[in-house]
């Protein structure tokens, strides 16, 4: 008889477990010393159940580990910033041809106008970088990083009003209720830092900001609540209700949380509602954040040469510059998705003055963020996205006045740029017509944009799904194609 087989037959159950306790203890100790030790195993187990379960790991080798999304809420004017159209000099003040408009639906703000006069940009453009990319004088700092970014001129959307357009590009659907892109990434990849949320949101505003932003834009929708974005605010308490009230010690808070966890565990045993466990996890996360957040938002140890990258407003909490620096500190600490909203790009009137103010707020911090990430070796695996929900029309809203014009919403084509994390640097993708009104080459739908973002993080947008009410949902709905031409 085989002696090994005979030994296995003679081993009793008690003997077996006495032998394995040492191994279990060693594994437990190893997991405490290195929490990420078994993440790969956990990912393989969680993904083995099919596309309806949380991925907790990429589908293929990722180029990016995290995302910083600089969202310019309101719709930046593409022909005043990135899409140089010298032909508008001769078309200036002429009526937009029907052959160009092609019956496109326009907003109620200009539908009553008797004419739609074309208005040129008053800003000078010049060439930058190794490929001679044309950029506006409004963005000299972004011009300095043009060899590190990919400018896409042909992003397009069906939405023409702010709320459905922002909801659409963030969630893949124009009506509210679905998870946003940050929640999908949290669900698909999890967090790299147990002491900070996987998904963080910060908001800043220009001098004139009349468009609201709703918390549902960073909602988890029908995904488990743990994947919703956590909003950080300027002021003494970056996260609401995070600090203990006066007279409550950390020890008291700890005892209270332990008691709540016991009660919630009994509730879960009775009702089996997964949101109960989410609530327990979020209480514990908040407790850990009481230590991690103050250290995160304290920029006093940042060297002066780093602060200078972000511009003069970097030390003012709540500014876009300050938020950009915090975003770098967040991804440095393992936050998966950081969303920065900057309001004030909805320039229906007095565009020249207002767009100057917006660029003054955002140009240097945006470029400084890319430079900072690059010098720290973080840009290679951090994807930076810059853009809004749509663009602006080439025709003027209202009357054309010297150095004063407005532009309406335009979804047929607008510009974004991306950098790092698997994106090909120093290129311009797509072309629009001489009126900057229609796409003539390489269209990129917002579903394609989101599919490409997921691809950079190693996620197949067709496989990252969640079953809800009998259907498998995904960020890109039933659409979207990865734009392989812009991938490094």
Protein backbone atom coordinates (compact mmCIF):
# COMPACT_ATOMS: atom_id res chain seq x y z
CA UNK A 1 0.00 0.00 0.00
CA UNK A 2 1.11 3.54 -0.70
CA UNK A 3 2.45 4.86 2.66
CA UNK A 4 1.25 8.40 1.92
CA UNK A 5 -2.25 7.16 1.19
CA UNK A 6 -2.20 5.01 4.35
CA UNK A 7 -1.13 8.03 6.41
CA UNK A 8 -4.04 10.06 4.99
CA UNK A 9 -6.51 7.32 5.94
CA UNK A 10 -5.19 7.14 9.51
CA UNK A 11 -5.27 10.93 10.08
CA UNK A 12 -8.18 11.76 12.33
CA UNK A 13 -10.34 14.90 11.98
CA UNK A 14 -8.95 16.24 15.30
CA UNK A 15 -5.41 15.53 14.15
CA UNK A 16 -6.02 17.31 10.84
CA UNK A 17 -7.36 20.51 12.45
CA UNK A 18 -4.60 20.56 15.05
CA UNK A 19 -2.08 20.51 12.20
CA UNK A 20 -3.82 23.26 10.19
CA UNK A 21 -4.21 25.77 13.04
CA UNK A 22 -0.60 26.81 12.69
CA UNK A 23 -1.06 27.50 8.99
CA UNK A 24 -4.25 29.47 9.56
CA UNK A 25 -2.57 31.54 12.23
CA UNK A 26 0.36 32.26 9.94
CA UNK A 27 -2.01 33.29 7.14
CA UNK A 28 -3.97 35.52 9.49
CA UNK A 29 -0.80 37.20 10.75
CA UNK A 30 0.42 37.71 7.17
CA UNK A 31 -2.88 39.31 6.18
CA UNK A 32 -2.63 41.75 9.08
CA UNK A 33 0.94 42.69 8.23
CA UNK A 34 0.14 43.03 4.52
CA UNK A 35 -3.59 43.61 3.89
CA UNK A 36 -3.16 43.41 0.12
CA UNK A 37 -1.56 39.96 0.25
CA UNK A 38 -4.70 38.01 -0.69
CA UNK A 39 -6.37 40.60 -2.93
CA UNK A 40 -5.55 38.68 -6.07
CA UNK A 41 -7.12 35.52 -4.64
CA UNK A 42 -10.19 37.46 -3.53
CA UNK A 43 -10.50 38.98 -6.96
CA UNK A 44 -10.31 35.59 -8.68
CA UNK A 45 -12.96 34.16 -6.38
CA UNK A 46 -15.33 37.09 -6.73
CA UNK A 47 -15.09 37.21 -10.51
CA UNK A 48 -15.66 33.50 -10.95
CA UNK A 49 -19.38 33.94 -10.45
CA UNK A 50 -19.94 35.69 -13.78
CA UNK A 51 -20.51 39.21 -14.99
CA UNK A 52 -23.34 39.96 -12.58
CA UNK A 53 -21.08 39.93 -9.53
CA UNK A 54 -18.62 42.59 -8.43
CA UNK A 55 -15.36 42.29 -10.33
CA UNK A 56 -13.06 43.38 -7.46
CA UNK A 57 -10.28 43.22 -9.97
CA UNK A 58 -9.57 44.00 -13.62
CA UNK A 59 -10.63 41.76 -16.49
CA UNK A 60 -7.21 42.20 -18.12
CA UNK A 61 -3.93 43.93 -17.38
CA UNK A 62 -4.68 47.62 -16.67
CA UNK A 63 -2.59 50.61 -17.69
CA UNK A 64 -4.19 52.86 -15.06
CA UNK A 65 -4.98 52.17 -11.42
CA UNK A 66 -6.92 55.33 -10.66
CA UNK A 67 -8.70 58.30 -12.26
CA UNK A 68 -8.82 62.05 -11.64
CA UNK A 69 -11.77 63.49 -13.57
CA UNK A 70 -11.66 67.29 -13.94
CA UNK A 71 -15.26 68.06 -14.90
CA UNK A 72 -15.88 71.54 -16.30
CA UNK A 73 -19.59 71.86 -15.51
CA UNK A 74 -21.53 74.08 -17.90
CA UNK A 75 -19.89 73.32 -21.23
CA UNK A 76 -16.55 74.96 -22.22
CA UNK A 77 -16.47 76.65 -25.62
CA UNK A 78 -14.38 74.37 -27.84
CA UNK A 79 -13.73 76.92 -30.62
CA UNK A 80 -12.41 79.42 -28.07
CA UNK A 81 -10.04 76.91 -26.44
CA UNK A 82 -9.00 73.82 -28.41
CA UNK A 83 -10.60 73.70 -31.88
CA UNK A 84 -8.96 76.40 -34.01
CA UNK A 85 -11.20 77.55 -36.87
CA UNK A 86 -9.55 80.29 -38.96
CA UNK A 87 -12.37 80.02 -41.54
CA UNK A 88 -14.71 81.70 -39.05
CA UNK A 89 -13.01 84.99 -39.92
CA UNK A 90 -14.82 85.05 -43.27
CA UNK A 91 -18.04 83.53 -41.92
CA UNK A 92 -18.28 86.01 -39.03
CA UNK A 93 -21.73 87.69 -38.77
CA UNK A 94 -23.17 85.54 -41.58
CA UNK A 95 -26.17 83.27 -41.05
CA UNK A 96 -25.44 79.65 -40.11
CA UNK A 97 -26.29 77.71 -43.32
CA UNK A 98 -29.13 75.22 -43.20
CA UNK A 99 -26.79 72.73 -44.86
CA UNK A 100 -24.59 72.90 -41.73
CA UNK A 101 -27.31 72.95 -39.13
CA UNK A 102 -29.27 70.16 -40.88
CA UNK A 103 -32.35 70.73 -38.78
CA UNK A 104 -30.60 70.12 -35.49
CA UNK A 105 -32.72 70.61 -32.39
CA UNK A 106 -31.63 73.69 -30.45
CA UNK A 107 -32.45 74.91 -26.97
CA UNK A 108 -35.40 77.17 -26.13
CA UNK A 109 -32.91 79.94 -25.36
CA UNK A 110 -32.14 80.48 -29.05
CA UNK A 111 -35.06 78.77 -30.79
CA UNK A 112 -36.93 82.09 -30.81
CA UNK A 113 -34.13 84.05 -32.46
CA UNK A 114 -34.87 85.28 -35.99
CA UNK A 115 -31.31 84.54 -37.06
CA UNK A 116 -28.36 82.45 -35.96
CA UNK A 117 -25.30 84.59 -36.79
CA UNK A 118 -21.90 82.93 -36.81
CA UNK A 119 -19.43 84.51 -34.40
CA UNK A 120 -15.67 83.98 -34.59
CA UNK A 121 -13.43 83.62 -31.57
CA UNK A 122 -11.69 86.84 -30.55
CA UNK A 123 -8.83 84.93 -28.98
CA UNK A 124 -5.48 84.28 -30.63
CA UNK A 125 -4.32 80.74 -31.35
CA UNK A 126 -0.74 79.55 -31.74
CA UNK A 127 1.04 76.24 -32.21
CA UNK A 128 2.61 74.30 -29.36
CA UNK A 129 4.52 71.09 -28.75
CA UNK A 130 6.34 68.74 -31.07
CA UNK A 131 3.29 68.33 -33.31
CA UNK A 132 2.42 72.01 -33.51
CA UNK A 133 -0.99 71.73 -31.85
CA UNK A 134 -3.11 74.88 -32.15
CA UNK A 135 -4.30 76.16 -28.78
CA UNK A 136 -5.90 79.34 -27.49
CA UNK A 137 -4.04 82.08 -25.66
CA UNK A 138 -6.46 81.44 -22.78
CA UNK A 139 -4.71 78.20 -21.79
CA UNK A 140 -0.93 78.80 -21.83
CA UNK A 141 -0.30 76.33 -19.01
CA UNK A 142 -2.20 73.51 -20.71
CA UNK A 143 -0.21 74.43 -23.82
CA UNK A 144 2.94 73.68 -21.83
CA UNK A 145 1.81 70.05 -21.32
CA UNK A 146 0.42 69.50 -24.82
CA UNK A 147 3.00 66.77 -25.46
CA UNK A 148 1.65 64.86 -22.45
CA UNK A 149 -2.06 64.98 -23.33
CA UNK A 150 -4.41 63.64 -25.98
CA UNK A 151 -6.98 66.18 -27.21
CA UNK A 152 -10.20 64.67 -28.56
CA UNK A 153 -12.16 67.16 -30.67
CA UNK A 154 -15.10 64.97 -31.62
CA UNK A 155 -16.87 63.93 -28.44
CA UNK A 156 -20.63 64.15 -28.91
CA UNK A 157 -23.88 63.63 -27.03
CA UNK A 158 -27.63 63.72 -27.72
CA UNK A 159 -28.40 65.84 -24.65
CA UNK A 160 -28.68 69.63 -25.06
CA UNK A 161 -29.61 70.74 -21.53
CA UNK A 162 -27.36 70.68 -18.49
CA UNK A 163 -28.99 68.27 -16.08
CA UNK A 164 -29.71 65.45 -18.55
CA UNK A 165 -26.33 66.03 -20.23
CA UNK A 166 -24.29 65.79 -17.01
CA UNK A 167 -26.38 62.84 -15.85
CA UNK A 168 -25.85 61.18 -19.24
CA UNK A 169 -22.06 61.49 -19.37
CA UNK A 170 -21.70 60.50 -15.71
CA UNK A 171 -24.14 57.56 -15.63
CA UNK A 172 -24.77 56.54 -19.25
CA UNK A 173 -28.43 57.54 -19.09
CA UNK A 174 -30.18 60.92 -19.26
CA UNK A 175 -32.65 60.14 -16.50
CA UNK A 176 -31.41 59.96 -12.89
CA UNK A 177 -31.23 56.77 -10.88
CA UNK A 178 -28.26 54.88 -12.31
CA UNK A 179 -24.76 54.55 -10.84
CA UNK A 180 -22.14 57.08 -11.91
CA UNK A 181 -18.77 56.20 -13.37
CA UNK A 182 -16.97 56.61 -10.03
CA UNK A 183 -19.35 54.16 -8.38
CA UNK A 184 -18.89 51.67 -11.21
CA UNK A 185 -15.12 51.81 -10.71
CA UNK A 186 -15.45 51.44 -6.95
CA UNK A 187 -17.73 48.44 -7.51
CA UNK A 188 -15.47 46.91 -10.13
CA UNK A 189 -12.07 47.46 -8.57
CA UNK A 190 -12.61 48.17 -4.88
CA UNK A 191 -10.33 50.40 -2.85
CA UNK A 192 -6.57 50.46 -2.38
CA UNK A 193 -6.80 52.17 1.03
CA UNK A 194 -9.06 50.88 3.80
CA UNK A 195 -8.85 54.23 5.59
CA UNK A 196 -10.20 56.37 2.75
CA UNK A 197 -13.21 56.01 0.42
CA UNK A 198 -12.63 54.59 -3.04
CA UNK A 199 -14.55 57.49 -4.60
CA UNK A 200 -14.24 61.14 -3.53
CA UNK A 201 -15.92 64.27 -4.94
CA UNK A 202 -14.93 67.93 -4.59
CA UNK A 203 -16.68 71.02 -5.99
CA UNK A 204 -15.34 74.48 -6.80
CA UNK A 205 -17.00 77.41 -8.54
CA UNK A 206 -16.13 80.28 -10.83
CA UNK A 207 -17.22 83.84 -10.13
CA UNK A 208 -20.55 83.31 -11.92
CA UNK A 209 -21.95 79.84 -11.29
CA UNK A 210 -25.67 79.46 -11.71
CA UNK A 211 -25.97 75.77 -12.59
CA UNK A 212 -26.64 73.45 -9.62
CA UNK A 213 -24.93 70.12 -9.10
CA UNK A 214 -26.95 67.39 -7.41
CA UNK A 215 -25.60 64.70 -5.08
CA UNK A 216 -27.18 62.05 -7.28
CA UNK A 217 -24.40 62.76 -9.82
CA UNK A 218 -22.05 60.84 -7.51
CA UNK A 219 -24.68 58.37 -6.35
CA UNK A 220 -24.27 54.61 -6.42
CA UNK A 221 -27.78 54.25 -7.85
CA UNK A 222 -28.82 50.62 -7.50
CA UNK A 223 -25.28 49.47 -6.62
CA UNK A 224 -24.55 48.82 -2.92
CA UNK A 225 -24.40 52.13 -1.06
CA UNK A 226 -20.74 51.69 -0.11
CA UNK A 227 -19.82 52.67 -3.70
CA UNK A 228 -21.32 56.17 -3.69
CA UNK A 229 -18.99 59.15 -3.77
CA UNK A 230 -18.04 60.91 -0.56
CA UNK A 231 -18.10 64.69 -0.93
CA UNK A 232 -15.22 66.62 0.60
CA UNK A 233 -15.92 70.26 1.44
CA UNK A 234 -13.81 73.29 2.23
CA UNK A 235 -13.76 74.44 5.81
CA UNK A 236 -12.93 72.97 9.20
CA UNK A 237 -14.73 69.65 8.60
CA UNK A 238 -13.99 68.31 5.08
CA UNK A 239 -16.58 65.56 5.58
CA UNK A 240 -19.87 66.31 7.33
CA UNK A 241 -20.51 64.59 10.67
CA UNK A 242 -17.05 63.02 10.67
CA UNK A 243 -15.78 64.76 13.82
CA UNK A 244 -16.94 63.66 17.23
CA UNK A 245 -19.26 66.16 18.95
CA UNK A 246 -17.94 67.98 22.04
CA UNK A 247 -17.66 65.68 25.05
CA UNK A 248 -17.50 62.45 23.01
CA UNK A 249 -14.13 60.72 23.24
CA UNK A 250 -12.75 58.26 20.67
CA UNK A 251 -13.22 55.48 23.23
CA UNK A 252 -16.89 56.39 23.63
CA UNK A 253 -17.31 56.47 19.86
CA UNK A 254 -15.67 53.07 19.57
CA UNK A 255 -18.03 51.53 22.14
CA UNK A 256 -21.02 53.09 20.40
CA UNK A 257 -19.97 51.69 17.01
CA UNK A 258 -19.42 48.24 18.49
CA UNK A 259 -22.93 48.32 19.97
CA UNK A 260 -24.42 49.50 16.69
CA UNK A 261 -22.59 46.75 14.83
CA UNK A 262 -24.09 44.15 17.17
CA UNK A 263 -27.59 45.52 16.64
CA UNK A 264 -27.11 45.74 12.88
CA UNK A 265 -25.78 42.19 12.76
CA UNK A 266 -28.97 40.98 14.45
CA UNK A 267 -30.99 42.99 11.96
CA UNK A 268 -29.10 41.43 9.06
CA UNK A 269 -29.64 37.92 10.44
CA UNK A 270 -33.36 38.68 10.45
CA UNK A 271 -33.89 40.60 7.20
CA UNK A 272 -30.82 39.70 5.07
CA UNK A 273 -30.70 43.22 3.63
CA UNK A 274 -27.16 43.79 2.21
CA UNK A 275 -27.46 47.52 2.89
CA UNK A 276 -27.29 46.72 6.62
CA UNK A 277 -23.76 45.39 6.16
CA UNK A 278 -22.99 48.43 4.02
CA UNK A 279 -24.10 50.64 6.90
CA UNK A 280 -21.78 48.81 9.31
CA UNK A 281 -18.88 49.13 6.87
CA UNK A 282 -19.51 52.85 6.38
CA UNK A 283 -19.59 53.48 10.14
CA UNK A 284 -16.22 51.76 10.42
CA UNK A 285 -14.85 53.71 7.45
CA UNK A 286 -15.96 56.99 9.05
CA UNK A 287 -14.19 56.01 12.28
CA UNK A 288 -10.94 55.35 10.43
CA UNK A 289 -11.33 58.56 8.40
CA UNK A 290 -11.26 60.59 11.62
CA UNK A 291 -7.52 59.96 11.57
CA UNK A 292 -6.76 59.68 7.84
CA UNK A 293 -8.68 62.74 6.58
CA UNK A 294 -6.97 65.44 8.72
CA UNK A 295 -3.59 64.16 7.56
CA UNK A 296 -4.80 64.06 3.94
CA UNK A 297 -6.03 67.66 3.79
CA UNK A 298 -3.04 69.12 5.66
CA UNK A 299 -0.86 70.55 2.87
CA UNK A 300 1.55 72.36 5.20
CA UNK A 301 4.30 69.84 4.43
CA UNK A 302 4.11 70.36 0.65
CA UNK A 303 7.31 71.95 -0.74
CA UNK A 304 6.98 75.45 -2.14
CA UNK A 305 8.07 74.37 -5.63
CA UNK A 306 5.16 71.92 -5.72
CA UNK A 307 2.64 74.53 -4.56
CA UNK A 308 3.87 76.86 -7.30
CA UNK A 309 2.84 74.32 -9.94
CA UNK A 310 -0.82 74.77 -9.01
CA UNK A 311 -0.87 78.57 -8.95
CA UNK A 312 -1.58 81.32 -6.42
CA UNK A 313 -4.94 79.94 -5.21
CA UNK A 314 -3.57 76.59 -4.08
CA UNK A 315 -3.54 77.56 -0.39
CA UNK A 316 -7.20 78.65 -0.46
CA UNK A 317 -9.48 75.75 0.52
CA UNK A 318 -12.39 75.31 -1.85
CA UNK A 319 -10.60 76.62 -4.94
CA UNK A 320 -10.01 74.47 -7.99
CA UNK A 321 -6.25 74.76 -7.45
CA UNK A 322 -6.51 73.53 -3.86
CA UNK A 323 -8.75 70.65 -4.94
CA UNK A 324 -6.29 69.63 -7.66
CA UNK A 325 -3.50 69.36 -5.08
CA UNK A 326 -5.77 67.35 -2.77
CA UNK A 327 -6.64 65.09 -5.71
CA UNK A 328 -2.96 64.27 -6.18
CA UNK A 329 -2.62 63.56 -2.46
CA UNK A 330 -5.69 61.32 -2.63
CA UNK A 331 -4.54 59.14 -5.52
CA UNK A 332 -1.13 58.98 -3.87
CA UNK A 333 -2.89 57.34 -0.92
CA UNK A 334 -4.86 54.86 -3.00
CA UNK A 335 -8.17 56.61 -3.69
CA UNK A 336 -9.55 54.98 -6.82
CA UNK A 337 -11.60 57.78 -8.38
CA UNK A 338 -11.46 61.52 -7.67
CA UNK A 339 -14.07 63.75 -9.31
CA UNK A 340 -13.46 67.49 -9.34
CA UNK A 341 -16.37 69.62 -10.52
CA UNK A 342 -15.72 73.25 -11.42
CA UNK A 343 -18.89 75.24 -12.07
CA UNK A 344 -19.31 78.37 -14.18
CA UNK A 345 -18.76 77.38 -17.84
CA UNK A 346 -22.35 78.10 -18.94
CA UNK A 347 -21.57 81.28 -20.88
CA UNK A 348 -24.70 82.35 -22.75
CA UNK A 349 -23.63 85.98 -22.48
CA UNK A 350 -20.47 87.96 -21.92
CA UNK A 351 -18.41 84.92 -22.87
CA UNK A 352 -15.07 86.72 -23.41
CA UNK A 353 -14.91 88.03 -19.85
CA UNK A 354 -16.32 84.95 -18.20
CA UNK A 355 -14.19 82.41 -20.07
CA UNK A 356 -11.07 84.39 -19.15
CA UNK A 357 -12.06 84.11 -15.49
CA UNK A 358 -12.73 80.38 -15.80
CA UNK A 359 -9.39 79.74 -17.48
CA UNK A 360 -7.62 81.80 -14.84
CA UNK A 361 -9.14 79.46 -12.23
CA UNK A 362 -8.47 76.18 -14.03
CA UNK A 363 -5.63 76.43 -16.58
CA UNK A 364 -2.59 76.42 -14.29
CA UNK A 365 -3.98 73.94 -11.71
CA UNK A 366 -4.95 71.46 -14.46
CA UNK A 367 -1.50 71.61 -16.01
CA UNK A 368 0.17 71.66 -12.60
CA UNK A 369 -1.63 68.46 -11.64
CA UNK A 370 -0.31 66.64 -14.71
CA UNK A 371 3.22 67.96 -14.11
CA UNK A 372 3.09 66.98 -10.44
CA UNK A 373 1.88 63.48 -11.20
CA UNK A 374 4.55 63.10 -13.87
CA UNK A 375 7.44 64.19 -11.65
CA UNK A 376 6.30 61.74 -8.96
CA UNK A 377 6.03 58.82 -11.38
CA UNK A 378 2.26 58.65 -10.86
CA UNK A 379 1.11 59.75 -14.32
CA UNK A 380 1.91 56.39 -15.88
CA UNK A 381 -0.83 54.67 -13.89
CA UNK A 382 -3.14 57.64 -13.19
CA UNK A 383 -5.66 58.64 -15.86
CA UNK A 384 -6.53 62.36 -15.94
CA UNK A 385 -9.67 63.44 -17.83
CA UNK A 386 -10.63 67.09 -18.53
CA UNK A 387 -13.95 68.09 -20.10
CA UNK A 388 -17.59 69.08 -19.67
CA UNK A 389 -21.03 67.76 -20.58
CA UNK A 390 -21.18 69.40 -24.04
CA UNK A 391 -19.70 72.33 -25.97
CA UNK A 392 -20.94 75.68 -27.27
CA UNK A 393 -22.53 76.78 -30.55
CA UNK A 394 -20.68 78.62 -33.29
CA UNK A 395 -23.68 80.93 -33.66
CA UNK A 396 -24.21 83.79 -31.27
CA UNK A 397 -26.88 83.86 -28.60
CA UNK A 398 -28.32 87.35 -28.76
CA UNK A 399 -26.59 90.16 -30.65
CA UNK A 400 -22.96 90.24 -31.67
CA UNK A 401 -21.23 93.10 -29.91
CA UNK A 402 -17.53 94.04 -29.97
CA UNK A 403 -15.68 91.78 -27.54
CA UNK A 404 -18.98 90.54 -26.17
CA UNK A 405 -20.92 87.51 -27.32
CA UNK A 406 -22.57 84.43 -25.91
CA UNK A 407 -22.87 80.87 -27.14
CA UNK A 408 -25.62 78.31 -26.56
CA UNK A 409 -25.33 74.59 -25.75
CA UNK A 410 -23.92 72.34 -28.46
CA UNK A 411 -23.78 68.55 -28.18
CA UNK A 412 -22.79 67.64 -31.75
CA UNK A 413 -19.09 68.08 -31.06
CA UNK A 414 -16.97 69.24 -28.17
CA UNK A 415 -13.44 68.79 -26.85
CA UNK A 416 -11.95 66.90 -23.94
CA UNK A 417 -8.39 65.94 -23.14
CA UNK A 418 -6.95 62.92 -21.42
CA UNK A 419 -3.48 62.17 -20.06
CA UNK A 420 -1.51 59.33 -18.48
CA UNK A 421 -2.77 55.85 -17.64
CA UNK A 422 -2.50 54.23 -21.08
CA UNK A 423 -3.41 57.23 -23.24
CA UNK A 424 -1.19 58.13 -26.21
CA UNK A 425 0.42 61.51 -25.44
CA UNK A 426 0.89 64.48 -27.75
CA UNK A 427 -1.86 63.74 -30.26
CA UNK A 428 -5.07 65.34 -31.48
CA UNK A 429 -7.91 62.98 -32.40
CA UNK A 430 -10.86 63.73 -34.65
CA UNK A 431 -11.79 66.60 -36.95
CA UNK A 432 -14.76 68.96 -37.23
CA UNK A 433 -15.99 71.10 -40.12
CA UNK A 434 -14.98 74.72 -40.77
CA UNK A 435 -17.93 75.90 -38.69
CA UNK A 436 -16.94 73.74 -35.72
CA UNK A 437 -20.48 72.43 -35.87
CA UNK A 438 -20.33 68.86 -37.21
CA UNK A 439 -17.86 65.99 -37.00
CA UNK A 440 -16.12 65.01 -40.23
CA UNK A 441 -13.66 62.40 -38.91
CA UNK A 442 -13.39 59.99 -35.96
CA UNK A 443 -16.51 60.65 -33.86
CA UNK A 444 -16.34 59.70 -30.17
CA UNK A 445 -19.65 59.27 -28.40
CA UNK A 446 -19.73 59.77 -24.63
CA UNK A 447 -20.36 56.01 -24.32
CA UNK A 448 -17.10 55.48 -26.25
CA UNK A 449 -15.35 57.87 -23.87
CA UNK A 450 -16.56 55.94 -20.83
CA UNK A 451 -15.76 52.58 -22.42
CA UNK A 452 -12.21 53.81 -23.04
CA UNK A 453 -11.80 55.05 -19.47
CA UNK A 454 -12.86 51.63 -18.16
CA UNK A 455 -10.54 49.92 -20.63
CA UNK A 456 -7.55 51.89 -19.34
CA UNK A 457 -8.31 50.48 -15.88
CA UNK A 458 -8.47 46.93 -17.20
CA UNK A 459 -12.26 46.70 -17.26
CA UNK A 460 -14.34 45.45 -20.18
CA UNK A 461 -17.34 47.77 -20.27
CA UNK A 462 -19.52 44.94 -21.60
CA UNK A 463 -18.61 42.66 -18.69
CA UNK A 464 -18.77 45.13 -15.81
CA UNK A 465 -22.49 44.65 -15.12
CA UNK A 466 -24.89 44.51 -12.23
CA UNK A 467 -28.20 42.66 -12.20
CA UNK A 468 -31.08 44.87 -11.10
CA UNK A 469 -34.80 44.20 -11.51
CA UNK A 470 -34.11 41.24 -13.78
CA UNK A 471 -31.70 42.97 -16.14
CA UNK A 472 -27.92 43.32 -16.36
CA UNK A 473 -27.03 47.02 -16.34
CA UNK A 474 -23.73 48.62 -17.26
CA UNK A 475 -22.25 52.13 -17.49
CA UNK A 476 -22.42 52.22 -21.27
CA UNK A 477 -25.97 50.80 -21.41
CA UNK A 478 -26.02 48.76 -24.67
CA UNK A 479 -23.58 51.01 -26.53
CA UNK A 480 -19.95 52.10 -26.55
CA UNK A 481 -16.70 51.16 -28.28
CA UNK A 482 -13.17 51.51 -26.95
CA UNK A 483 -11.24 54.17 -28.90
CA UNK A 484 -8.12 52.11 -29.53
CA UNK A 485 -6.47 54.81 -31.68
CA UNK A 486 -5.78 56.97 -28.62
CA UNK A 487 -4.31 54.17 -26.52
CA UNK A 488 -0.55 54.01 -26.01
